Amino acid sequence: MINFEVKRVGNISIFRLNEKRLNSSVSGMIKGEFTILLQTEDVSKFIVDMTDVESCDSSGLSALLLAYRILSSNQGHIRIANPSRNVKTLIHISQLDRVLPICDNIDDAINELESL
């Protein structure tokens, strides 16, 4: 079981992962949640709040990329909010910051998505 919350601010859905690690032990369940949420709820603006996430591995990145792919196929947009330094570094090293834009906090992410 994974611990997360989903809330909406206007037409933006915010997925807050309340786990310390986004890795292979939780990424399968997260992919399932992203798929259900993004394909059935008609979400086009999506924020992944990573405030509590301290580490991420390649399977965690693949979960984030799945959300990106589902959203882009529906002309949607994603933002990664408040990642730890480790997570931010991993996204940059993987050169995924072009498809997974990072925002320092939720408010910045909401403002960016509202302006699209």
N, C-alpha and C. Protein backbone atom coordinates (compact mmCIF):
# COMPACT_ATOMS: atom_id res chain seq x y z
N MET A 1 0.84 -1.19 0.00
CA MET A 1 0.00 0.00 0.00
C MET A 1 0.88 1.25 0.00
N ILE A 2 0.51 2.22 -0.80
CA ILE A 2 1.28 3.47 -0.81
C ILE A 2 0.44 4.57 -0.19
N ASN A 3 1.15 5.53 0.38
CA ASN A 3 0.48 6.64 1.05
C ASN A 3 0.56 7.87 0.15
N PHE A 4 -0.60 8.35 -0.28
CA PHE A 4 -0.63 9.53 -1.13
C PHE A 4 -1.96 10.25 -0.96
N GLU A 5 -2.00 11.49 -1.41
CA GLU A 5 -3.24 12.27 -1.41
C GLU A 5 -3.38 12.91 -2.78
N VAL A 6 -4.62 13.09 -3.20
CA VAL A 6 -4.88 13.82 -4.43
C VAL A 6 -5.86 14.94 -4.12
N LYS A 7 -5.54 16.14 -4.56
CA LYS A 7 -6.50 17.22 -4.40
C LYS A 7 -6.54 18.04 -5.67
N ARG A 8 -7.61 18.80 -5.81
CA ARG A 8 -7.75 19.64 -7.00
C ARG A 8 -7.76 21.10 -6.60
N VAL A 9 -7.07 21.91 -7.40
CA VAL A 9 -7.12 23.35 -7.26
C VAL A 9 -7.58 23.85 -8.63
N GLY A 10 -8.84 24.21 -8.74
CA GLY A 10 -9.39 24.57 -10.05
C GLY A 10 -9.33 23.37 -10.97
N ASN A 11 -8.66 23.53 -12.12
CA ASN A 11 -8.56 22.41 -13.07
C ASN A 11 -7.22 21.69 -12.96
N ILE A 12 -6.52 21.89 -11.87
CA ILE A 12 -5.20 21.27 -11.66
C ILE A 12 -5.32 20.18 -10.59
N SER A 13 -4.82 19.00 -10.89
CA SER A 13 -4.78 17.93 -9.91
C SER A 13 -3.39 17.85 -9.30
N ILE A 14 -3.34 17.72 -7.99
CA ILE A 14 -2.07 17.64 -7.27
C ILE A 14 -1.99 16.28 -6.59
N PHE A 15 -0.95 15.52 -6.94
CA PHE A 15 -0.73 14.20 -6.37
C PHE A 15 0.44 14.34 -5.39
N ARG A 16 0.16 14.20 -4.10
CA ARG A 16 1.23 14.29 -3.11
C ARG A 16 1.59 12.89 -2.64
N LEU A 17 2.84 12.53 -2.90
CA LEU A 17 3.33 11.22 -2.48
C LEU A 17 3.90 11.34 -1.07
N ASN A 18 3.25 10.69 -0.11
CA ASN A 18 3.69 10.74 1.28
C ASN A 18 4.57 9.53 1.59
N GLU A 19 5.61 9.38 0.81
CA GLU A 19 6.57 8.28 0.99
C GLU A 19 7.97 8.89 0.95
N LYS A 20 8.91 8.24 1.65
CA LYS A 20 10.30 8.73 1.65
C LYS A 20 11.01 8.36 0.35
N ARG A 21 10.60 7.24 -0.25
CA ARG A 21 11.30 6.76 -1.44
C ARG A 21 10.34 6.51 -2.59
N LEU A 22 10.76 6.95 -3.76
CA LEU A 22 10.03 6.64 -4.98
C LEU A 22 10.93 5.66 -5.73
N ASN A 23 10.73 4.36 -5.44
CA ASN A 23 11.62 3.35 -6.01
C ASN A 23 10.81 2.15 -6.46
N SER A 24 11.52 1.07 -6.79
CA SER A 24 10.85 -0.10 -7.37
C SER A 24 9.80 -0.71 -6.45
N SER A 25 9.91 -0.49 -5.14
CA SER A 25 8.93 -1.11 -4.24
C SER A 25 7.58 -0.40 -4.30
N VAL A 26 7.54 0.86 -4.78
CA VAL A 26 6.26 1.58 -4.86
C VAL A 26 5.91 2.04 -6.28
N SER A 27 6.87 2.00 -7.20
CA SER A 27 6.62 2.60 -8.52
C SER A 27 5.51 1.90 -9.29
N GLY A 28 5.37 0.58 -9.14
CA GLY A 28 4.30 -0.13 -9.84
C GLY A 28 2.93 0.35 -9.39
N MET A 29 2.77 0.51 -8.08
CA MET A 29 1.49 0.99 -7.55
C MET A 29 1.25 2.45 -7.97
N ILE A 30 2.30 3.24 -7.99
CA ILE A 30 2.15 4.64 -8.39
C ILE A 30 1.76 4.73 -9.87
N LYS A 31 2.38 3.90 -10.70
CA LYS A 31 2.00 3.88 -12.12
C LYS A 31 0.51 3.56 -12.26
N GLY A 32 0.04 2.61 -11.46
CA GLY A 32 -1.38 2.26 -11.50
C GLY A 32 -2.25 3.44 -11.10
N GLU A 33 -1.87 4.13 -10.03
CA GLU A 33 -2.64 5.30 -9.58
C GLU A 33 -2.63 6.40 -10.63
N PHE A 34 -1.44 6.68 -11.21
CA PHE A 34 -1.34 7.71 -12.25
C PHE A 34 -2.24 7.36 -13.43
N THR A 35 -2.21 6.09 -13.84
CA THR A 35 -3.00 5.66 -15.00
C THR A 35 -4.48 5.87 -14.74
N ILE A 36 -4.94 5.42 -13.58
CA ILE A 36 -6.37 5.58 -13.25
C ILE A 36 -6.74 7.06 -13.19
N LEU A 37 -5.94 7.82 -12.47
CA LEU A 37 -6.23 9.24 -12.26
C LEU A 37 -6.22 10.01 -13.58
N LEU A 38 -5.18 9.80 -14.37
CA LEU A 38 -4.99 10.62 -15.57
C LEU A 38 -5.87 10.18 -16.73
N GLN A 39 -6.29 8.92 -16.75
CA GLN A 39 -7.11 8.47 -17.87
C GLN A 39 -8.60 8.50 -17.57
N THR A 40 -8.98 8.41 -16.30
CA THR A 40 -10.41 8.38 -16.01
C THR A 40 -10.95 9.72 -15.50
N GLU A 41 -10.07 10.54 -14.92
CA GLU A 41 -10.54 11.79 -14.34
C GLU A 41 -10.41 12.95 -15.31
N ASP A 42 -9.92 12.68 -16.51
CA ASP A 42 -9.77 13.72 -17.52
C ASP A 42 -8.90 14.88 -17.01
N VAL A 43 -7.75 14.53 -16.44
CA VAL A 43 -6.82 15.52 -15.90
C VAL A 43 -5.91 16.02 -17.02
N SER A 44 -5.77 17.33 -17.16
CA SER A 44 -4.85 17.84 -18.17
C SER A 44 -3.71 18.67 -17.56
N LYS A 45 -3.86 19.04 -16.29
CA LYS A 45 -2.79 19.77 -15.60
C LYS A 45 -2.53 19.04 -14.29
N PHE A 46 -1.28 18.58 -14.14
CA PHE A 46 -0.97 17.62 -13.08
C PHE A 46 0.32 18.01 -12.37
N ILE A 47 0.27 18.08 -11.05
CA ILE A 47 1.46 18.38 -10.25
C ILE A 47 1.76 17.15 -9.39
N VAL A 48 3.02 16.73 -9.40
CA VAL A 48 3.46 15.68 -8.48
C VAL A 48 4.22 16.38 -7.37
N ASP A 49 3.62 16.40 -6.18
CA ASP A 49 4.21 17.05 -5.01
C ASP A 49 5.14 16.04 -4.34
N MET A 50 6.45 16.35 -4.39
CA MET A 50 7.44 15.41 -3.87
C MET A 50 8.08 15.91 -2.57
N THR A 51 7.32 16.70 -1.82
CA THR A 51 7.83 17.29 -0.58
C THR A 51 8.44 16.24 0.36
N ASP A 52 7.79 15.09 0.49
CA ASP A 52 8.24 14.07 1.45
C ASP A 52 9.24 13.07 0.86
N VAL A 53 9.43 13.11 -0.46
CA VAL A 53 10.27 12.11 -1.11
C VAL A 53 11.74 12.49 -0.99
N GLU A 54 12.52 11.62 -0.36
CA GLU A 54 13.95 11.89 -0.17
C GLU A 54 14.80 11.29 -1.27
N SER A 55 14.34 10.18 -1.85
CA SER A 55 15.14 9.53 -2.89
C SER A 55 14.24 8.93 -3.96
N CYS A 56 14.86 8.77 -5.12
CA CYS A 56 14.14 8.26 -6.28
C CYS A 56 15.13 7.45 -7.09
N ASP A 57 14.67 6.38 -7.73
CA ASP A 57 15.56 5.63 -8.62
C ASP A 57 14.95 5.58 -10.01
N SER A 58 15.54 4.78 -10.89
CA SER A 58 15.08 4.77 -12.29
C SER A 58 13.64 4.30 -12.41
N SER A 59 13.20 3.39 -11.55
CA SER A 59 11.81 2.95 -11.64
C SER A 59 10.86 4.06 -11.19
N GLY A 60 11.31 4.89 -10.25
CA GLY A 60 10.53 6.06 -9.84
C GLY A 60 10.42 7.06 -10.98
N LEU A 61 11.55 7.29 -11.67
CA LEU A 61 11.52 8.18 -12.84
C LEU A 61 10.59 7.64 -13.91
N SER A 62 10.57 6.33 -14.08
CA SER A 62 9.71 5.77 -15.13
C SER A 62 8.24 5.99 -14.78
N ALA A 63 7.89 6.02 -13.48
CA ALA A 63 6.51 6.32 -13.08
C ALA A 63 6.17 7.76 -13.45
N LEU A 64 7.11 8.68 -13.20
CA LEU A 64 6.88 10.09 -13.56
C LEU A 64 6.76 10.24 -15.08
N LEU A 65 7.58 9.50 -15.82
CA LEU A 65 7.52 9.56 -17.29
C LEU A 65 6.22 8.99 -17.82
N LEU A 66 5.68 7.98 -17.15
CA LEU A 66 4.38 7.44 -17.55
C LEU A 66 3.32 8.54 -17.45
N ALA A 67 3.33 9.28 -16.33
CA ALA A 67 2.37 10.38 -16.16
C ALA A 67 2.56 11.40 -17.27
N TYR A 68 3.81 11.73 -17.58
CA TYR A 68 4.10 12.69 -18.66
C TYR A 68 3.53 12.18 -19.99
N ARG A 69 3.75 10.90 -20.30
CA ARG A 69 3.29 10.36 -21.59
C ARG A 69 1.77 10.38 -21.69
N ILE A 70 1.09 9.99 -20.63
CA ILE A 70 -0.38 10.01 -20.65
C ILE A 70 -0.88 11.44 -20.85
N LEU A 71 -0.28 12.37 -20.10
CA LEU A 71 -0.69 13.78 -20.21
C LEU A 71 -0.42 14.33 -21.60
N SER A 72 0.80 14.06 -22.14
CA SER A 72 1.10 14.66 -23.45
C SER A 72 0.22 14.11 -24.55
N SER A 73 -0.23 12.87 -24.40
CA SER A 73 -1.11 12.32 -25.44
C SER A 73 -2.47 13.02 -25.41
N ASN A 74 -2.77 13.72 -24.33
CA ASN A 74 -4.03 14.47 -24.23
C ASN A 74 -3.78 15.99 -24.16
N GLN A 75 -2.64 16.42 -24.69
CA GLN A 75 -2.25 17.84 -24.65
C GLN A 75 -2.22 18.39 -23.22
N GLY A 76 -1.84 17.53 -22.26
CA GLY A 76 -1.77 17.96 -20.87
C GLY A 76 -0.36 18.37 -20.47
N HIS A 77 -0.23 18.80 -19.23
CA HIS A 77 1.05 19.30 -18.73
C HIS A 77 1.31 18.79 -17.32
N ILE A 78 2.60 18.58 -17.02
CA ILE A 78 3.01 18.09 -15.71
C ILE A 78 4.04 19.03 -15.12
N ARG A 79 4.05 19.11 -13.79
CA ARG A 79 5.11 19.80 -13.06
C ARG A 79 5.50 18.92 -11.88
N ILE A 80 6.80 18.90 -11.57
CA ILE A 80 7.30 18.21 -10.40
C ILE A 80 7.57 19.31 -9.36
N ALA A 81 6.88 19.24 -8.23
CA ALA A 81 7.00 20.30 -7.23
C ALA A 81 7.79 19.86 -6.02
N ASN A 82 8.67 20.75 -5.59
CA ASN A 82 9.39 20.62 -4.33
C ASN A 82 10.20 19.33 -4.20
N PRO A 83 10.95 18.94 -5.25
CA PRO A 83 11.75 17.72 -5.10
C PRO A 83 12.97 17.98 -4.21
N SER A 84 13.42 16.94 -3.54
CA SER A 84 14.65 17.06 -2.75
C SER A 84 15.82 17.29 -3.71
N ARG A 85 16.95 17.69 -3.15
CA ARG A 85 18.14 17.91 -3.97
C ARG A 85 18.51 16.64 -4.73
N ASN A 86 18.41 15.48 -4.05
CA ASN A 86 18.75 14.20 -4.70
C ASN A 86 17.85 13.94 -5.91
N VAL A 87 16.55 14.16 -5.73
CA VAL A 87 15.60 13.89 -6.81
C VAL A 87 15.83 14.88 -7.95
N LYS A 88 16.04 16.14 -7.62
CA LYS A 88 16.26 17.17 -8.63
C LYS A 88 17.52 16.84 -9.45
N THR A 89 18.58 16.42 -8.75
CA THR A 89 19.83 16.06 -9.42
C THR A 89 19.61 14.89 -10.37
N LEU A 90 18.88 13.87 -9.92
CA LEU A 90 18.61 12.70 -10.75
C LEU A 90 17.86 13.11 -12.03
N ILE A 91 16.86 13.98 -11.89
CA ILE A 91 16.09 14.42 -13.05
C ILE A 91 17.00 15.18 -14.03
N HIS A 92 17.88 16.05 -13.49
CA HIS A 92 18.80 16.80 -14.36
C HIS A 92 19.81 15.88 -15.04
N ILE A 93 20.42 14.97 -14.27
CA ILE A 93 21.42 14.05 -14.82
C ILE A 93 20.81 13.20 -15.93
N SER A 94 19.55 12.79 -15.74
CA SER A 94 18.86 11.96 -16.72
C SER A 94 18.37 12.78 -17.91
N GLN A 95 18.60 14.10 -17.85
CA GLN A 95 18.15 15.04 -18.89
C GLN A 95 16.65 14.97 -19.10
N LEU A 96 15.93 14.75 -18.00
CA LEU A 96 14.48 14.67 -18.08
C LEU A 96 13.81 15.98 -17.68
N ASP A 97 14.62 16.98 -17.32
CA ASP A 97 14.03 18.25 -16.90
C ASP A 97 13.32 18.97 -18.05
N ARG A 98 13.59 18.55 -19.28
CA ARG A 98 12.85 19.13 -20.41
C ARG A 98 11.41 18.64 -20.47
N VAL A 99 11.18 17.40 -20.05
CA VAL A 99 9.82 16.85 -20.08
C VAL A 99 9.19 16.81 -18.70
N LEU A 100 10.00 16.93 -17.65
CA LEU A 100 9.49 16.95 -16.28
C LEU A 100 9.92 18.26 -15.63
N PRO A 101 9.25 19.37 -15.98
CA PRO A 101 9.68 20.66 -15.43
C PRO A 101 9.56 20.68 -13.91
N ILE A 102 10.60 21.22 -13.27
CA ILE A 102 10.67 21.26 -11.81
C ILE A 102 10.30 22.65 -11.30
N CYS A 103 9.46 22.67 -10.27
CA CYS A 103 9.12 23.92 -9.59
C CYS A 103 9.54 23.78 -8.13
N ASP A 104 9.99 24.89 -7.55
CA ASP A 104 10.48 24.84 -6.17
C ASP A 104 9.37 24.61 -5.15
N ASN A 105 8.13 24.97 -5.50
CA ASN A 105 7.03 24.78 -4.55
C ASN A 105 5.72 24.64 -5.31
N ILE A 106 4.67 24.30 -4.57
CA ILE A 106 3.35 24.07 -5.17
C ILE A 106 2.80 25.34 -5.82
N ASP A 107 2.96 26.47 -5.14
CA ASP A 107 2.41 27.72 -5.68
C ASP A 107 3.01 28.05 -7.05
N ASP A 108 4.33 27.88 -7.19
CA ASP A 108 4.98 28.13 -8.49
C ASP A 108 4.42 27.19 -9.55
N ALA A 109 4.24 25.94 -9.18
CA ALA A 109 3.73 24.93 -10.12
C ALA A 109 2.31 25.30 -10.56
N ILE A 110 1.48 25.70 -9.61
CA ILE A 110 0.10 26.10 -9.93
C ILE A 110 0.11 27.31 -10.85
N ASN A 111 0.94 28.30 -10.51
CA ASN A 111 1.01 29.52 -11.35
C ASN A 111 1.44 29.19 -12.77
N GLU A 112 2.45 28.33 -12.92
CA GLU A 112 2.91 27.95 -14.27
C GLU A 112 1.79 27.27 -15.04
N LEU A 113 1.10 26.33 -14.41
CA LEU A 113 0.06 25.58 -15.11
C LEU A 113 -1.15 26.47 -15.42
N GLU A 114 -1.46 27.39 -14.52
CA GLU A 114 -2.60 28.27 -14.77
C GLU A 114 -2.35 29.18 -15.97
N SER A 115 -1.07 29.49 -16.23
CA SER A 115 -0.76 30.40 -17.34
C SER A 115 -0.72 29.70 -18.69
N LEU A 116 -0.88 28.36 -18.70
CA LEU A 116 -0.83 27.62 -19.97
C LEU A 116 -2.20 27.61 -20.65
